[in-house]
Amino acid sequence: MASATRSIVINAPPERVFDVIADYEKYPEFLSEVKSIRTSGRKGNQVDIHYEVDVMKRIKYTLRMTENRPTGLSWTFVEGEVMKDNKGGWVLEATPDGKTKATYTVEVALGLLVPKALVTAMVESSLPKMLESFRKRVESA
């Protein structure tokens, strides 16, 4: 599995950062690779998120989110095209100056026909851009 962990400091309290992260249906507004999102099956702090994304080709997959407001969330893989597994999460930590250190971790396994180097490059190159998109979204709210 290819994995990556990155952190970014966002000029907002953890509650506000969490609210943007958990507003799944709005992702297509600020994450260009996300073409559509639908939620289903909410039970307490768990919800299934159905993604359609365009990363070299359009793929659909479903993740089960477990929300722990305001300290973060984690997900596990439910089903999808091309992907064999996808798990990870956000950890949100308040800083003394009222900001949030947001740490994003992801582990992805794709099908046998996808070279590991390609998966690693995809995860590594898209992660900083995605974190910056979240930072901008939170700070402009």
Protein backbone atom coordinates (compact mmCIF):
# COMPACT_ATOMS: atom_id res chain seq x y z
CA MET A 1 0.00 0.00 0.00
CA ALA A 2 1.16 3.51 -0.77
CA SER A 3 0.88 5.85 2.18
CA ALA A 4 1.50 9.47 3.02
CA THR A 5 1.13 11.78 6.00
CA ARG A 6 1.24 15.56 5.83
CA SER A 7 0.40 18.40 8.21
CA ILE A 8 -0.63 21.97 7.62
CA VAL A 9 -1.41 24.85 10.00
CA ILE A 10 -4.79 26.49 9.34
CA ASN A 11 -5.71 29.89 10.72
CA ALA A 12 -8.96 28.76 12.37
CA PRO A 13 -10.04 26.76 15.44
CA PRO A 14 -10.46 22.96 15.11
CA GLU A 15 -14.27 23.19 15.16
CA ARG A 16 -14.30 25.33 12.02
CA VAL A 17 -11.75 23.11 10.27
CA PHE A 18 -13.80 20.04 11.16
CA ASP A 19 -17.00 21.62 9.82
CA VAL A 20 -15.37 22.17 6.40
CA ILE A 21 -13.87 18.65 6.31
CA ALA A 22 -17.23 17.08 7.25
CA ASP A 23 -19.20 19.09 4.67
CA TYR A 24 -18.59 16.36 2.10
CA GLU A 25 -21.11 17.48 -0.52
CA LYS A 26 -19.23 20.78 -0.93
CA TYR A 27 -15.93 19.11 -1.93
CA PRO A 28 -16.56 19.54 -5.70
CA GLU A 29 -16.63 23.33 -5.10
CA PHE A 30 -12.96 23.47 -4.08
CA LEU A 31 -11.35 20.11 -4.92
CA SER A 32 -11.06 19.98 -8.72
CA GLU A 33 -10.56 16.21 -8.90
CA VAL A 34 -13.84 15.52 -7.02
CA LYS A 35 -16.64 15.43 -9.59
CA SER A 36 -19.51 14.36 -7.31
CA ILE A 37 -20.22 13.21 -3.78
CA ARG A 38 -23.26 11.66 -2.18
CA THR A 39 -23.74 10.58 1.42
CA SER A 40 -25.87 7.71 2.70
CA GLY A 41 -26.50 5.47 5.67
CA ARG A 42 -25.73 7.93 8.49
CA LYS A 43 -25.77 6.15 11.86
CA GLY A 44 -24.60 8.31 14.75
CA ASN A 45 -21.08 9.52 13.94
CA GLN A 46 -20.67 7.21 10.91
CA VAL A 47 -21.65 7.98 7.32
CA ASP A 48 -20.89 6.45 3.92
CA ILE A 49 -19.44 8.84 1.33
CA HIS A 50 -19.81 7.90 -2.34
CA TYR A 51 -17.13 9.63 -4.43
CA GLU A 52 -16.65 10.10 -8.13
CA VAL A 53 -13.18 11.48 -8.78
CA ASP A 54 -11.04 12.16 -11.82
CA VAL A 55 -7.42 11.12 -11.24
CA MET A 56 -6.05 10.13 -14.63
CA LYS A 57 -9.46 8.49 -15.20
CA ARG A 58 -12.86 8.70 -13.52
CA ILE A 59 -13.34 6.26 -10.70
CA LYS A 60 -16.08 5.70 -8.16
CA TYR A 61 -15.59 4.47 -4.61
CA THR A 62 -17.23 4.53 -1.19
CA LEU A 63 -15.60 5.27 2.16
CA ARG A 64 -17.14 4.93 5.63
CA MET A 65 -16.33 7.99 7.72
CA THR A 66 -16.23 7.94 11.52
CA GLU A 67 -16.47 11.51 12.77
CA ASN A 68 -15.00 12.61 16.10
CA ARG A 69 -15.88 16.30 16.22
CA PRO A 70 -13.80 18.45 16.68
CA THR A 71 -10.61 16.35 16.88
CA GLY A 72 -10.86 14.69 13.48
CA LEU A 73 -12.24 11.77 11.55
CA SER A 74 -11.12 8.47 10.10
CA TRP A 75 -12.29 6.32 7.22
CA THR A 76 -12.26 2.79 5.94
CA PHE A 77 -12.83 1.44 2.45
CA VAL A 78 -16.26 0.03 1.59
CA GLU A 79 -16.09 -0.62 -2.18
CA GLY A 80 -14.86 0.85 -5.41
CA GLU A 81 -13.42 0.64 -8.88
CA VAL A 82 -9.66 0.13 -9.31
CA MET A 83 -9.09 0.50 -5.54
CA LYS A 84 -8.47 -2.45 -3.25
CA ASP A 85 -8.21 -0.46 -0.02
CA ASN A 86 -8.24 3.14 1.22
CA LYS A 87 -7.95 4.13 4.85
CA GLY A 88 -6.81 7.16 6.72
CA GLY A 89 -7.96 10.18 8.61
CA TRP A 90 -7.61 13.73 9.80
CA VAL A 91 -6.24 14.68 13.25
CA LEU A 92 -7.03 18.25 14.29
CA GLU A 93 -5.01 19.79 17.12
CA ALA A 94 -5.55 23.27 18.55
CA THR A 95 -2.40 25.39 18.74
CA PRO A 96 -1.77 27.92 21.56
CA ASP A 97 -2.37 30.82 19.14
CA GLY A 98 -5.90 29.69 18.18
CA LYS A 99 -4.97 27.92 14.95
CA THR A 100 -5.26 24.24 14.02
CA LYS A 101 -2.54 21.79 13.11
CA ALA A 102 -4.32 19.48 10.67
CA THR A 103 -2.61 16.16 9.93
CA TYR A 104 -3.89 14.03 7.05
CA THR A 105 -2.91 10.38 6.67
CA VAL A 106 -3.88 8.08 3.82
CA GLU A 107 -3.04 4.51 2.78
CA VAL A 108 -4.20 3.39 -0.66
CA ALA A 109 -3.93 0.07 -2.48
CA LEU A 110 -4.93 -0.09 -6.12
CA GLY A 111 -5.39 -3.07 -8.41
CA LEU A 112 -2.56 -5.34 -9.50
CA LEU A 113 -2.22 -3.67 -12.90
CA VAL A 114 -1.37 -0.29 -11.36
CA PRO A 115 2.37 0.15 -10.65
CA LYS A 116 3.19 0.99 -7.02
CA ALA A 117 5.39 3.88 -8.15
CA LEU A 118 2.40 5.43 -9.90
CA VAL A 119 0.22 5.09 -6.80
CA THR A 120 2.93 6.62 -4.61
CA ALA A 121 3.45 9.52 -7.02
CA MET A 122 -0.29 10.15 -7.15
CA VAL A 123 -0.64 10.17 -3.36
CA GLU A 124 2.52 12.23 -2.79
CA SER A 125 1.86 14.85 -5.47
CA SER A 126 -1.85 15.39 -4.87
CA LEU A 127 -1.69 15.61 -1.07
CA PRO A 128 -0.02 19.04 -0.67
CA LYS A 129 -2.40 20.56 -3.23
CA MET A 130 -5.42 19.07 -1.47
CA LEU A 131 -4.31 20.32 1.97
CA GLU A 132 -3.79 23.81 0.56
CA SER A 133 -7.31 23.71 -0.93
CA PHE A 134 -8.77 22.83 2.47
CA ARG A 135 -6.73 25.58 4.17
CA LYS A 136 -7.99 28.18 1.69
CA ARG A 137 -11.58 26.98 2.04
CA VAL A 138 -11.51 27.18 5.85
CA GLU A 139 -9.72 30.53 5.99
CA SER A 140 -12.08 32.13 3.46
CA ALA A 141 -15.23 30.96 5.30
